Protein backbone atom coordinates (compact mmCIF):
# COMPACT_ATOMS: atom_id res chain seq x y z
CA MET A 1 -151.17 66.30 169.85
CA THR A 2 -147.99 64.63 168.59
CA PRO A 3 -145.91 63.32 171.50
CA ASN A 4 -142.36 64.67 171.70
CA LYS A 5 -140.24 61.85 170.34
CA GLN A 6 -136.88 63.63 170.54
CA LEU A 7 -134.43 62.59 173.25
CA THR A 8 -130.77 63.13 173.93
CA ALA A 9 -128.44 60.16 173.48
CA GLU A 10 -128.01 60.02 177.26
CA GLN A 11 -131.79 59.90 177.83
CA ALA A 12 -132.16 57.19 175.22
CA ALA A 13 -129.45 55.11 176.92
CA THR A 14 -131.54 54.98 180.12
CA LEU A 15 -134.36 53.24 178.22
CA ILE A 16 -132.23 50.16 177.71
CA GLN A 17 -132.53 47.62 180.50
CA SER A 18 -130.22 44.84 181.55
CA ASN A 19 -130.88 41.58 179.65
CA ASP A 20 -132.37 43.42 176.67
CA THR A 21 -131.64 42.19 173.13
CA LEU A 22 -130.26 44.96 170.95
CA VAL A 23 -130.37 44.97 167.15
CA THR A 24 -128.04 47.38 165.39
CA GLY A 25 -128.08 48.54 161.79
CA GLY A 26 -124.98 49.44 159.82
CA PHE A 27 -122.37 48.35 157.30
CA ILE A 28 -118.83 49.11 158.51
CA GLY A 29 -119.57 52.76 159.39
CA ILE A 30 -122.48 53.41 157.05
CA GLY A 31 -125.74 53.71 158.96
CA PHE A 32 -124.29 52.98 162.41
CA ALA A 33 -125.74 54.96 165.35
CA GLU A 34 -122.44 56.00 166.90
CA SER A 35 -123.87 58.55 169.38
CA LEU A 36 -126.30 56.00 170.78
CA ALA A 37 -123.65 53.30 171.10
CA LYS A 38 -121.28 55.69 172.87
CA ALA A 39 -123.98 56.81 175.31
CA ILE A 40 -124.88 53.22 176.20
CA GLU A 41 -121.20 52.38 176.70
CA LYS A 42 -120.67 55.47 178.88
CA ARG A 43 -123.61 54.57 181.11
CA PHE A 44 -122.32 51.00 181.56
CA LEU A 45 -118.80 52.15 182.43
CA GLU A 46 -120.08 54.72 184.95
CA GLU A 47 -123.02 52.82 186.47
CA GLY A 48 -122.60 49.16 185.54
CA TYR A 49 -125.91 49.26 183.64
CA PRO A 50 -127.28 48.04 181.34
CA ASN A 51 -125.54 44.66 181.59
CA ASN A 52 -125.98 41.11 180.29
CA LEU A 53 -127.17 42.44 176.95
CA SER A 54 -127.67 40.31 173.86
CA LEU A 55 -126.63 41.75 170.50
CA LEU A 56 -127.87 40.84 167.01
CA TYR A 57 -126.54 42.38 163.80
CA ALA A 58 -126.12 41.40 160.15
CA ALA A 59 -123.16 43.18 158.55
CA GLY A 60 -119.85 44.03 160.18
CA GLN A 61 -120.01 47.36 162.02
CA GLY A 62 -116.80 48.96 163.20
CA ASP A 63 -113.39 50.26 162.26
CA ALA A 64 -111.30 47.39 163.71
CA ASN A 65 -110.43 49.74 166.55
CA ASN A 66 -112.81 51.64 168.86
CA ARG A 67 -115.85 52.68 166.83
CA GLY A 68 -119.02 50.81 165.95
CA LEU A 69 -119.76 47.60 167.83
CA ASN A 70 -116.49 47.93 169.74
CA HIS A 71 -118.42 50.19 172.15
CA PHE A 72 -120.11 47.03 173.44
CA GLY A 73 -116.90 45.07 173.91
CA HIS A 74 -116.81 45.09 177.72
CA GLU A 75 -116.98 42.05 179.96
CA GLY A 76 -120.30 42.01 181.80
CA MET A 77 -121.96 44.42 179.40
CA ILE A 78 -122.66 41.70 176.81
CA LYS A 79 -123.67 38.09 177.43
CA ARG A 80 -124.47 36.93 173.86
CA VAL A 81 -123.62 38.08 170.34
CA ILE A 82 -125.09 36.76 167.09
CA GLY A 83 -123.42 38.47 164.17
CA GLY A 84 -122.71 38.11 160.49
CA HIS A 85 -119.16 39.50 160.54
CA TRP A 86 -116.76 39.90 163.47
CA GLY A 87 -113.51 41.21 162.03
CA LEU A 88 -114.31 44.92 162.44
CA ALA A 89 -115.20 44.54 166.13
CA PRO A 90 -112.08 42.96 167.68
CA LYS A 91 -113.17 43.89 171.21
CA LEU A 92 -116.24 41.66 170.85
CA GLY A 93 -114.13 39.02 169.11
CA LYS A 94 -111.71 38.94 172.03
CA LEU A 95 -114.55 38.26 174.47
CA ALA A 96 -115.79 35.46 172.22
CA LEU A 97 -112.40 33.81 171.80
CA GLU A 98 -111.77 34.02 175.56
CA ASN A 99 -115.09 32.22 176.13
CA LYS A 100 -116.47 35.17 178.13
CA ILE A 101 -119.66 35.54 176.08
CA GLU A 102 -121.95 33.29 174.07
CA ALA A 103 -121.01 33.89 170.45
CA TYR A 104 -122.45 32.84 167.09
CA ASN A 105 -121.59 33.58 163.47
CA LEU A 106 -124.44 33.25 160.97
CA PRO A 107 -124.53 34.39 157.31
CA GLN A 108 -125.15 38.10 156.88
CA GLY A 109 -127.95 37.59 154.36
CA ILE A 110 -129.72 35.13 156.65
CA ILE A 111 -129.74 37.61 159.52
CA CYS A 112 -131.17 40.28 157.16
CA HIS A 113 -133.95 37.89 156.25
CA MET A 114 -134.49 36.95 159.90
CA PHE A 115 -135.45 40.58 160.59
CA ARG A 116 -138.20 40.41 157.97
CA ASP A 117 -139.38 37.00 159.14
CA ILE A 118 -139.49 38.12 162.78
CA ALA A 119 -141.51 41.17 161.70
CA ALA A 120 -143.95 38.84 159.92
CA GLY A 121 -144.28 36.57 162.96
CA ARG A 122 -142.75 33.52 161.29
CA PRO A 123 -141.23 30.86 163.57
CA GLY A 124 -137.90 30.79 161.75
CA THR A 125 -136.02 31.50 158.53
CA LEU A 126 -135.94 28.52 156.17
CA THR A 127 -133.26 28.38 153.46
CA HIS A 128 -130.61 26.28 151.73
CA VAL A 129 -127.92 28.86 152.53
CA GLY A 130 -125.27 27.48 154.86
CA LEU A 131 -125.57 23.80 154.02
CA ASN A 132 -122.24 21.96 154.33
CA THR A 133 -120.45 24.97 155.82
CA PHE A 134 -119.53 25.66 159.44
CA VAL A 135 -123.06 26.97 160.16
CA ASP A 136 -124.54 23.57 159.28
CA PRO A 137 -125.41 21.78 162.58
CA ARG A 138 -123.55 18.73 161.27
CA GLN A 139 -120.42 20.85 161.58
CA GLU A 140 -120.39 23.71 164.12
CA GLY A 141 -123.89 25.16 163.86
CA GLY A 142 -122.40 28.65 163.76
CA LYS A 143 -121.12 28.36 167.35
CA ILE A 144 -117.88 30.23 168.00
CA ASN A 145 -116.95 28.86 171.43
CA ASN A 146 -117.79 26.22 174.05
CA ARG A 147 -119.95 28.64 176.00
CA SER A 148 -122.47 28.79 173.15
CA LYS A 149 -124.81 25.90 173.94
CA ASP A 150 -128.08 26.78 172.20
CA ASP A 151 -128.71 25.20 168.81
CA LEU A 152 -129.78 28.13 166.63
CA VAL A 153 -129.72 26.18 163.35
CA GLU A 154 -131.69 23.00 162.61
CA LEU A 155 -131.33 20.65 159.64
CA LEU A 156 -134.65 19.78 157.99
CA GLU A 157 -135.79 17.94 154.90
CA ILE A 158 -138.52 19.64 152.86
CA GLN A 159 -139.93 17.88 149.79
CA GLY A 160 -136.90 15.64 149.66
CA GLU A 161 -134.39 18.52 149.82
CA GLU A 162 -132.11 19.40 152.73
CA CYS A 163 -132.50 22.88 154.17
CA LEU A 164 -131.66 24.82 157.31
CA LEU A 165 -134.04 26.47 159.77
CA TYR A 166 -132.55 29.48 161.55
CA LYS A 167 -134.53 29.83 164.76
CA HIS A 168 -135.98 33.13 165.96
CA PHE A 169 -135.83 34.67 169.43
CA PRO A 170 -137.22 37.84 171.11
CA ILE A 171 -135.66 41.20 170.21
CA ASN A 172 -136.66 44.44 171.87
CA ILE A 173 -134.32 47.36 171.13
CA ALA A 174 -133.37 48.75 167.71
CA LEU A 175 -130.49 51.19 167.26
CA LEU A 176 -130.80 52.71 163.78
CA ARG A 177 -129.76 55.80 161.83
CA GLY A 178 -131.21 58.22 159.29
CA THR A 179 -130.68 61.76 158.12
CA THR A 180 -133.80 63.79 158.97
CA ALA A 181 -136.63 63.22 161.44
CA ASP A 182 -139.90 65.14 161.42
CA ALA A 183 -142.07 65.77 164.47
CA LYS A 184 -143.86 62.41 164.07
CA GLY A 185 -140.61 60.49 163.81
CA ASN A 186 -140.71 59.84 160.07
CA ILE A 187 -137.12 59.23 159.04
CA SER A 188 -135.59 60.05 155.66
CA MET A 189 -132.09 59.05 154.54
CA GLU A 190 -131.18 61.62 151.88
CA ARG A 191 -127.55 61.92 153.08
CA GLU A 192 -127.02 58.26 153.97
CA ALA A 193 -125.01 56.07 151.60
CA LEU A 194 -127.36 53.10 152.07
CA PRO A 195 -130.76 52.34 153.67
CA LEU A 196 -129.53 48.84 154.62
CA ASP A 197 -131.96 46.75 156.69
CA ALA A 198 -133.28 49.64 158.79
CA LEU A 199 -136.94 49.17 157.80
CA ALA A 200 -136.89 45.42 158.42
CA ILE A 201 -135.24 45.89 161.83
CA ALA A 202 -137.71 48.59 162.86
CA GLN A 203 -140.66 46.41 161.87
CA ALA A 204 -139.22 43.37 163.65
CA VAL A 205 -138.56 45.19 166.91
CA LYS A 206 -141.84 47.10 166.87
CA ASN A 207 -143.86 43.93 166.21
CA SER A 208 -141.94 42.24 169.03
CA GLY A 209 -143.14 44.90 171.45
CA GLY A 210 -139.80 46.66 171.67
CA LYS A 211 -138.49 50.20 171.25
CA VAL A 212 -137.03 51.69 168.07
CA LEU A 213 -134.41 54.41 168.57
CA VAL A 214 -133.07 56.31 165.54
CA GLN A 215 -130.07 58.63 165.40
CA VAL A 216 -130.38 61.51 162.92
CA GLU A 217 -128.34 64.57 162.05
CA ARG A 218 -131.23 67.06 161.86
CA VAL A 219 -134.89 67.63 162.68
CA THR A 220 -137.70 69.31 160.76
CA THR A 221 -141.31 70.06 161.65
CA GLN A 222 -142.55 68.42 158.46
CA HIS A 223 -140.70 66.69 155.63
CA GLN A 224 -140.54 68.59 152.37
CA LEU A 225 -139.56 65.43 150.52
CA THR A 226 -142.01 63.16 148.74
CA PRO A 227 -143.40 60.37 150.97
CA ASP A 228 -141.42 57.65 149.18
CA ARG A 229 -138.23 59.20 150.56
CA VAL A 230 -139.26 58.27 154.11
CA ARG A 231 -137.41 55.00 154.79
CA ILE A 232 -138.61 54.40 158.37
CA PRO A 233 -142.23 55.49 159.00
CA GLY A 234 -142.92 57.36 162.20
CA ILE A 235 -145.39 54.68 163.33
CA LEU A 236 -142.35 52.43 163.90
CA VAL A 237 -140.19 55.02 165.70
CA ASP A 238 -140.39 55.50 169.46
CA HIS A 239 -137.66 58.12 169.76
CA PHE A 240 -135.10 59.91 167.62
CA ILE A 241 -131.81 61.38 168.76
CA VAL A 242 -129.80 64.11 167.07
CA ALA A 243 -126.15 63.02 166.79
CA SER A 244 -124.11 64.47 169.64
CA GLU A 245 -121.24 65.52 167.38
CA GLU A 246 -120.62 65.71 163.64
CA SER A 247 -117.93 63.06 164.08
CA ASP A 248 -120.62 60.68 165.37
CA HIS A 249 -122.58 60.86 162.12
CA PRO A 250 -120.16 60.48 159.21
CA GLN A 251 -121.49 59.08 155.97
CA THR A 252 -118.81 56.36 156.23
CA PHE A 253 -115.99 55.79 158.70
CA ALA A 254 -113.63 57.19 156.05
CA GLU A 255 -115.59 60.19 154.70
CA THR A 256 -117.74 62.83 156.37
CA TYR A 257 -119.89 63.21 153.26
CA ASN A 258 -119.43 62.29 149.61
CA PRO A 259 -122.30 63.55 147.43
CA ALA A 260 -121.50 60.96 144.74
CA TYR A 261 -122.73 58.24 147.11
CA THR A 262 -126.21 59.77 147.26
CA GLY A 263 -126.54 60.74 143.59
CA GLU A 264 -126.28 64.44 144.40
CA ILE A 265 -123.44 64.72 141.89
CA ILE A 266 -121.99 62.54 139.15
CA GLN A 267 -118.38 61.82 139.93
CA THR A 268 -116.23 61.80 136.81
CA SER A 269 -112.65 60.73 136.34
CA ASP A 270 -111.51 60.89 132.74
CA THR A 271 -107.94 59.98 133.62
CA PRO A 272 -107.93 57.89 136.80
CA ASN A 273 -104.58 57.70 138.54
CA PRO A 274 -103.24 54.19 137.94
CA ALA A 275 -102.66 52.09 141.03
CA PRO A 276 -99.07 50.90 141.57
CA LEU A 277 -98.17 47.64 139.85
CA ASP A 278 -98.05 45.19 142.72
CA ALA A 279 -99.48 41.77 143.57
CA ARG A 280 -102.88 43.25 144.33
CA LYS A 281 -103.09 44.94 140.94
CA VAL A 282 -101.88 41.85 139.07
CA ILE A 283 -104.62 39.78 140.72
CA ALA A 284 -107.28 42.39 139.96
CA ARG A 285 -106.13 42.58 136.34
CA ARG A 286 -106.29 38.80 135.93
CA ALA A 287 -109.78 38.81 137.46
CA LEU A 288 -110.85 41.59 135.09
CA MET A 289 -109.97 39.32 132.18
CA GLU A 290 -112.67 36.93 133.41
CA LEU A 291 -115.44 39.50 133.59
CA GLN A 292 -118.12 38.92 130.98
CA LYS A 293 -119.76 41.75 129.08
CA GLY A 294 -123.25 42.42 130.43
CA ALA A 295 -122.66 40.36 133.59
CA VAL A 296 -124.16 41.23 136.98
CA VAL A 297 -121.27 40.91 139.40
CA ASN A 298 -120.54 40.98 143.12
CA LEU A 299 -117.20 42.20 144.44
CA GLY A 300 -116.29 41.15 147.96
CA ILE A 301 -114.39 43.20 150.51
CA GLY A 302 -110.59 43.22 150.48
CA MET A 303 -108.66 42.06 147.43
CA PRO A 304 -111.71 42.03 145.07
CA GLU A 305 -112.31 45.74 145.73
CA SER A 306 -109.36 46.51 143.42
CA ILE A 307 -111.17 45.12 140.38
CA ALA A 308 -113.38 48.22 140.21
CA ALA A 309 -110.37 50.55 140.15
CA VAL A 310 -108.56 48.46 137.52
CA ALA A 311 -111.72 48.27 135.40
CA ALA A 312 -111.93 52.08 135.52
CA GLU A 313 -108.27 52.35 134.47
CA GLU A 314 -108.88 50.05 131.51
CA GLY A 315 -112.12 51.78 130.47
CA LYS A 316 -114.15 48.63 131.16
CA LEU A 317 -116.32 49.73 134.07
CA GLN A 318 -119.41 50.23 131.88
CA GLU A 319 -119.25 46.77 130.31
CA PHE A 320 -120.76 44.99 133.33
CA THR A 321 -122.80 45.89 136.40
CA LEU A 322 -121.06 45.77 139.76
CA THR A 323 -123.10 45.22 142.90
CA VAL A 324 -122.32 45.06 146.61
CA GLU A 325 -124.30 43.07 149.15
CA PRO A 326 -125.65 45.98 151.25
CA GLY A 327 -127.74 47.16 148.30
CA GLY A 328 -125.76 49.12 145.71
CA ILE A 329 -126.22 48.37 142.00
CA GLY A 330 -124.10 49.84 139.20
CA GLY A 331 -121.50 52.58 139.42
CA GLN A 332 -118.13 52.13 141.12
CA PRO A 333 -117.94 50.57 144.60
CA ALA A 334 -115.82 52.38 147.17
CA SER A 335 -113.05 50.67 149.09
CA GLY A 336 -111.52 50.62 152.57
CA LEU A 337 -113.69 51.98 155.38
CA SER A 338 -116.08 53.38 152.74
CA PHE A 339 -116.70 49.92 151.28
CA GLY A 340 -120.42 49.39 150.71
CA ALA A 341 -120.95 52.86 149.30
CA ILE A 342 -121.10 53.29 145.50
CA SER A 343 -120.28 56.35 143.41
CA ASN A 344 -122.75 57.01 140.58
CA ALA A 345 -124.96 54.06 141.50
CA GLU A 346 -127.78 53.15 139.13
CA ALA A 347 -129.96 51.98 142.02
CA ILE A 348 -129.73 51.40 145.75
CA ILE A 349 -132.10 48.91 147.36
CA ASP A 350 -132.59 47.53 150.85
CA GLN A 351 -130.04 44.96 151.99
CA PRO A 352 -132.59 42.12 152.50
CA ALA A 353 -133.84 42.62 148.92
CA GLN A 354 -130.29 42.44 147.59
CA PHE A 355 -129.81 39.10 149.34
CA ASP A 356 -133.12 37.87 147.90
CA PHE A 357 -131.59 38.48 144.49
CA TYR A 358 -128.28 36.86 145.44
CA ASP A 359 -129.81 33.80 147.13
CA GLY A 360 -132.03 33.16 144.14
CA GLY A 361 -129.07 32.95 141.77
CA GLY A 362 -129.31 36.45 140.27
CA LEU A 363 -125.55 37.01 140.11
CA ASP A 364 -123.68 35.98 136.97
CA GLN A 365 -120.24 36.18 138.55
CA ALA A 366 -118.75 36.80 141.99
CA PHE A 367 -115.21 37.64 143.08
CA LEU A 368 -114.38 36.96 146.74
CA GLY A 369 -111.31 36.91 148.94
CA LEU A 370 -109.05 33.90 149.47
CA ALA A 371 -107.58 33.34 152.92
CA GLU A 372 -106.85 29.60 152.78
CA THR A 373 -107.89 26.63 150.69
CA CYS A 374 -107.10 22.93 150.27
CA PHE A 375 -106.95 20.24 147.58
CA GLU A 376 -110.74 19.72 147.81
CA GLY A 377 -111.33 23.41 147.09
CA HIS A 378 -112.80 24.26 150.50
CA VAL A 379 -112.22 27.91 151.42
CA ASN A 380 -111.86 29.47 154.85
CA VAL A 381 -112.22 33.23 155.28
CA SER A 382 -113.94 33.23 158.66
CA ARG A 383 -111.64 31.88 161.39
CA PHE A 384 -107.87 31.58 161.87
CA GLY A 385 -106.73 30.41 165.27
CA SER A 386 -106.92 33.44 167.55
CA LYS A 387 -108.31 35.65 164.78
CA LEU A 388 -112.07 35.77 164.29
CA ALA A 389 -113.21 37.33 161.02
CA GLY A 390 -116.69 35.90 160.44
CA ALA A 391 -118.41 35.01 157.19
CA GLY A 392 -120.35 38.18 156.39
CA GLY A 393 -122.21 37.70 153.09
CA PHE A 394 -119.60 35.23 151.82
CA ILE A 395 -121.75 32.11 152.26
CA ASN A 396 -124.82 33.63 150.59
CA ILE A 397 -122.79 34.76 147.61
CA THR A 398 -120.55 31.74 147.10
CA GLN A 399 -123.34 29.18 147.38
CA ASN A 400 -125.57 30.88 144.82
CA THR A 401 -123.30 32.10 142.02
CA GLN A 402 -122.45 29.74 139.17
CA ASP A 403 -119.23 31.47 138.04
CA LEU A 404 -117.10 31.98 141.13
CA TYR A 405 -113.60 33.36 141.71
CA PHE A 406 -111.44 33.48 144.83
CA LEU A 407 -108.67 36.10 144.85
CA GLY A 408 -105.63 36.40 147.07
CA THR A 409 -101.86 36.50 147.25
CA PHE A 410 -100.20 33.09 147.05
CA THR A 411 -98.77 33.30 150.57
CA SER A 412 -99.83 35.27 153.66
CA GLY A 413 -97.72 37.80 155.47
CA LYS A 414 -95.04 40.08 154.11
CA GLN A 415 -93.88 38.86 150.73
CA GLN A 416 -91.50 40.68 148.41
CA LEU A 417 -92.00 40.60 144.65
CA GLU A 418 -90.32 42.22 141.69
CA ILE A 419 -92.42 42.90 138.60
CA GLN A 420 -90.67 44.04 135.45
CA ASP A 421 -90.46 43.35 131.73
CA GLY A 422 -93.63 41.27 131.77
CA LYS A 423 -92.29 38.85 134.38
CA LEU A 424 -92.69 38.17 138.10
CA ASP A 425 -89.85 37.34 140.46
CA VAL A 426 -90.47 36.16 144.04
CA VAL A 427 -87.76 37.63 146.26
CA GLN A 428 -89.36 36.57 149.53
CA ASN A 429 -92.47 34.53 150.31
CA GLY A 430 -94.91 35.31 153.09
CA THR A 431 -94.53 33.42 156.34
CA LEU A 432 -97.80 31.48 156.04
CA LYS A 433 -98.99 29.12 153.33
CA LYS A 434 -102.54 29.55 152.02
CA PHE A 435 -102.78 26.28 150.10
CA LYS A 436 -103.09 23.92 153.06
CA THR A 437 -103.68 20.25 153.74
CA THR A 438 -106.78 21.18 155.73
CA VAL A 439 -108.63 24.45 156.28
CA GLN A 440 -109.45 25.56 159.81
CA GLN A 441 -113.10 26.21 159.01
CA ILE A 442 -115.30 25.56 155.97
CA THR A 443 -116.82 28.86 154.83
CA PHE A 444 -117.15 27.47 151.29
CA ASN A 445 -117.44 23.75 150.55
CA GLY A 446 -115.74 22.83 147.30
CA SER A 447 -117.31 19.38 147.07
CA TYR A 448 -120.79 20.83 147.49
CA ALA A 449 -120.00 23.43 144.84
CA LEU A 450 -119.13 20.71 142.34
CA GLN A 451 -122.36 18.92 143.12
CA CYS A 452 -124.17 22.20 142.40
CA ARG A 453 -122.31 22.49 139.06
CA GLN A 454 -120.51 25.71 140.01
CA ARG A 455 -117.40 26.85 138.13
CA VAL A 456 -114.72 27.71 140.67
CA THR A 457 -111.42 29.48 139.91
CA PHE A 458 -108.60 30.60 142.22
CA ILE A 459 -106.50 33.60 141.12
CA THR A 460 -103.19 34.61 142.70
CA GLU A 461 -100.38 36.85 141.51
CA ARG A 462 -98.27 33.88 140.37
CA ALA A 463 -100.72 31.10 139.52
CA VAL A 464 -104.30 30.32 138.56
CA PHE A 465 -106.14 27.16 139.66
CA ARG A 466 -109.54 25.70 138.89
CA LEU A 467 -111.55 23.20 140.88
CA THR A 468 -112.24 19.87 139.19
CA ASN A 469 -113.91 16.65 140.33
CA ARG A 470 -110.41 15.27 140.87
CA GLY A 471 -109.24 18.21 142.99
CA LEU A 472 -107.53 21.57 142.60
CA MET A 473 -105.74 21.91 139.25
CA LEU A 474 -102.97 24.37 138.35
CA THR A 475 -103.80 25.87 134.94
CA GLU A 476 -101.62 29.00 134.62
CA ILE A 477 -98.26 30.14 135.93
CA ALA A 478 -96.76 33.64 135.83
CA PRO A 479 -93.84 34.34 133.47
CA GLY A 480 -90.59 34.19 135.43
CA ILE A 481 -91.97 31.87 138.11
CA ASP A 482 -90.26 28.57 138.94
CA LEU A 483 -92.91 25.86 139.21
CA GLN A 484 -91.16 23.89 141.92
CA LYS A 485 -89.59 26.62 144.04
CA ASP A 486 -92.24 29.34 143.81
CA ILE A 487 -95.41 27.25 143.68
CA LEU A 488 -95.18 23.58 144.66
CA ASP A 489 -92.74 24.17 147.54
CA GLN A 490 -95.08 26.87 148.90
CA MET A 491 -98.09 24.51 149.11
CA GLU A 492 -98.90 21.86 151.72
CA PHE A 493 -100.30 19.56 149.03
CA THR A 494 -99.47 18.77 145.43
CA PRO A 495 -102.13 20.03 143.04
CA LEU A 496 -103.12 18.47 139.77
CA ILE A 497 -101.24 20.12 136.91
CA ASP A 498 -103.03 20.80 133.63
CA ASP A 499 -101.50 19.02 130.64
CA HIS A 500 -101.82 22.36 128.86
CA LEU A 501 -100.31 24.54 131.62
CA THR A 502 -100.00 28.02 130.14
CA PRO A 503 -98.24 31.25 131.15
CA MET A 504 -100.32 34.06 132.60
CA ASP A 505 -100.68 36.93 130.13
CA GLU A 506 -97.51 39.04 130.28
CA ARG A 507 -99.64 42.22 130.00
CA LEU A 508 -100.56 41.64 133.64
CA PHE A 509 -96.97 42.38 134.60
CA ARG A 510 -96.39 45.57 132.62
CA PRO A 511 -97.10 49.07 134.00
CA ASP A 512 -98.96 50.42 130.96
CA SER A 513 -102.58 49.71 130.06
CA MET A 514 -103.37 46.13 129.11
CA ARG A 515 -105.40 47.26 126.08
CA LEU A 516 -107.80 44.37 126.44
CA ASP A 517 -109.60 45.16 123.20
CA GLN A 518 -106.43 44.48 121.27
CA PRO A 519 -104.79 41.08 120.71
CA GLY A 520 -102.44 40.23 123.56
CA SER A 521 -99.68 37.72 123.93
CA ARG A 522 -102.29 34.99 123.69
CA PRO A 523 -106.08 34.80 123.04
CA MET A 524 -107.55 35.09 126.55
CA GLN A 525 -111.17 34.80 125.44
CA GLN A 526 -110.50 31.57 123.56
CA MET A 527 -108.53 30.14 126.45
CA ARG A 528 -111.29 30.90 128.96
CA ALA A 529 -113.91 29.35 126.70
CA LEU A 530 -111.81 26.20 126.37
CA MET A 531 -111.24 25.98 130.13
CA LYS A 532 -114.96 26.33 130.86
CA LYS A 533 -115.82 23.74 128.21
CA VAL A 534 -113.42 21.25 129.80
CA LEU A 535 -114.68 22.08 133.29
CA LEU A 536 -118.31 21.63 132.30
CA SER A 537 -117.52 18.24 130.75
CA GLU A 538 -115.83 17.19 133.98
CA GLN A 539 -118.78 18.36 136.05
CA CYS A 540 -121.17 16.22 134.04
CA SER A 541 -119.47 13.20 135.59
CA THR A 542 -120.51 11.99 139.03
CA PRO A 543 -119.17 14.39 141.66
CA GLU A 544 -117.24 13.27 144.70
CA PRO A 545 -119.16 12.89 148.00
CA ILE A 546 -119.59 16.07 150.00
CA VAL A 547 -116.94 16.53 152.68
CA THR A 548 -118.57 17.93 155.81
CA SER A 549 -115.54 18.30 158.07
CA ALA A 550 -112.71 20.81 157.76
CA SER A 551 -110.46 18.34 155.97
């Protein structure tokens, strides 16, 4: 006899005890068990139980408002959070910044790998990822506030090389999601955009003696799919729960269901609607000029998302392979609250496997966001005073990609620009400077990158910089921009200025197609080759010592 594994969300919520450690799967809204989270929240608000919970998760899960992990953002409900990204769960972030919970930020890819290592009974996760960033115990050890006393990261030396050991701890409740459950609890994901780390989490919790709870949208007596389509075997599943409402089981937090994300249809767009010509598009266009034919590429969340749309406009999307860290390969990555999903993907793999590929140096190029930087080329995207964003997969990607680009507007806040006739005019700068004397937190260490022989470029709408052994160097300036007023006066430090400072290609600042296969106002390919040749010659010299403080 097969035991009845189906429960309501309310019944499942009663299985969770105070002081339990919950592990949640999800990427923004993809794969998040919204009905289960809501039921647990409702029980706490009505009964005060369960309380003092610990929470572990890899990717950011939420809508920056009330959904996702925000259901756990109540004082007394949570005592500790260890997460890869915090920006989408501001209610948890508020508790952390007010020192009301223990709070840690570890790299997203590391937490994915921790699930597999816990499942395998290993004592910790050993890696080079995180060295010389804020998760290094010589800096902050990933601790967010003064209440977080435990040292979760240890510096070791193995065969003469520095590495970090991320320590393991007991976990006993998994909150996961799939599409269809059969009577034995076998879970398929035919309508999910991504499988994520669901299998690794289920194995880790089950082998730790815990309970695995899976939210689904439908139930069948027996799967009609081939066995390889089962992503979480029934032997790992204690109970499954049918989503309480359709709104609790959207494919993403932006779309109820898009068949292009599952390969059910091929989404075509012969004449994509061009995005408006603004700072974001200029930056994406300039980044597109750096993309190499045949390259395997990662696009980060935020500003880099626009590269995919611009590449489609310019007919260049098929010349390289775009990937996203939760597992998508090929096709066109989605943006906004659907980020992580991919239309017309060539393959979709588990999130831990994607980070295996990333950590081992599989990416040819990566394009990430730029929040603030300094003369040494350190980058902070994770913490800004009272705002807690978290690192996500940023550390994994930036430490293991040789050709690296950081994208962002030159200043933060509301800036006003006029773009016309191939020129850029700054009417009003943002209120905050991004090029600072010191960064608030080191999410990327520029000195360490130089030691690792990485090529590092910073792209804004009005200037391009590259990182050299002597510091950050200005190499390009937009047509129409005043060097002193629009660039140097808007920086807290004076950069090096290339002896061959060149104008950014004026095609970036015109509304029509750039026609990249035709000669432009200057030979971009030759210029990039020359810049990389010079940079490589500089990097062959002895690099500066690694800076391990946020200065």
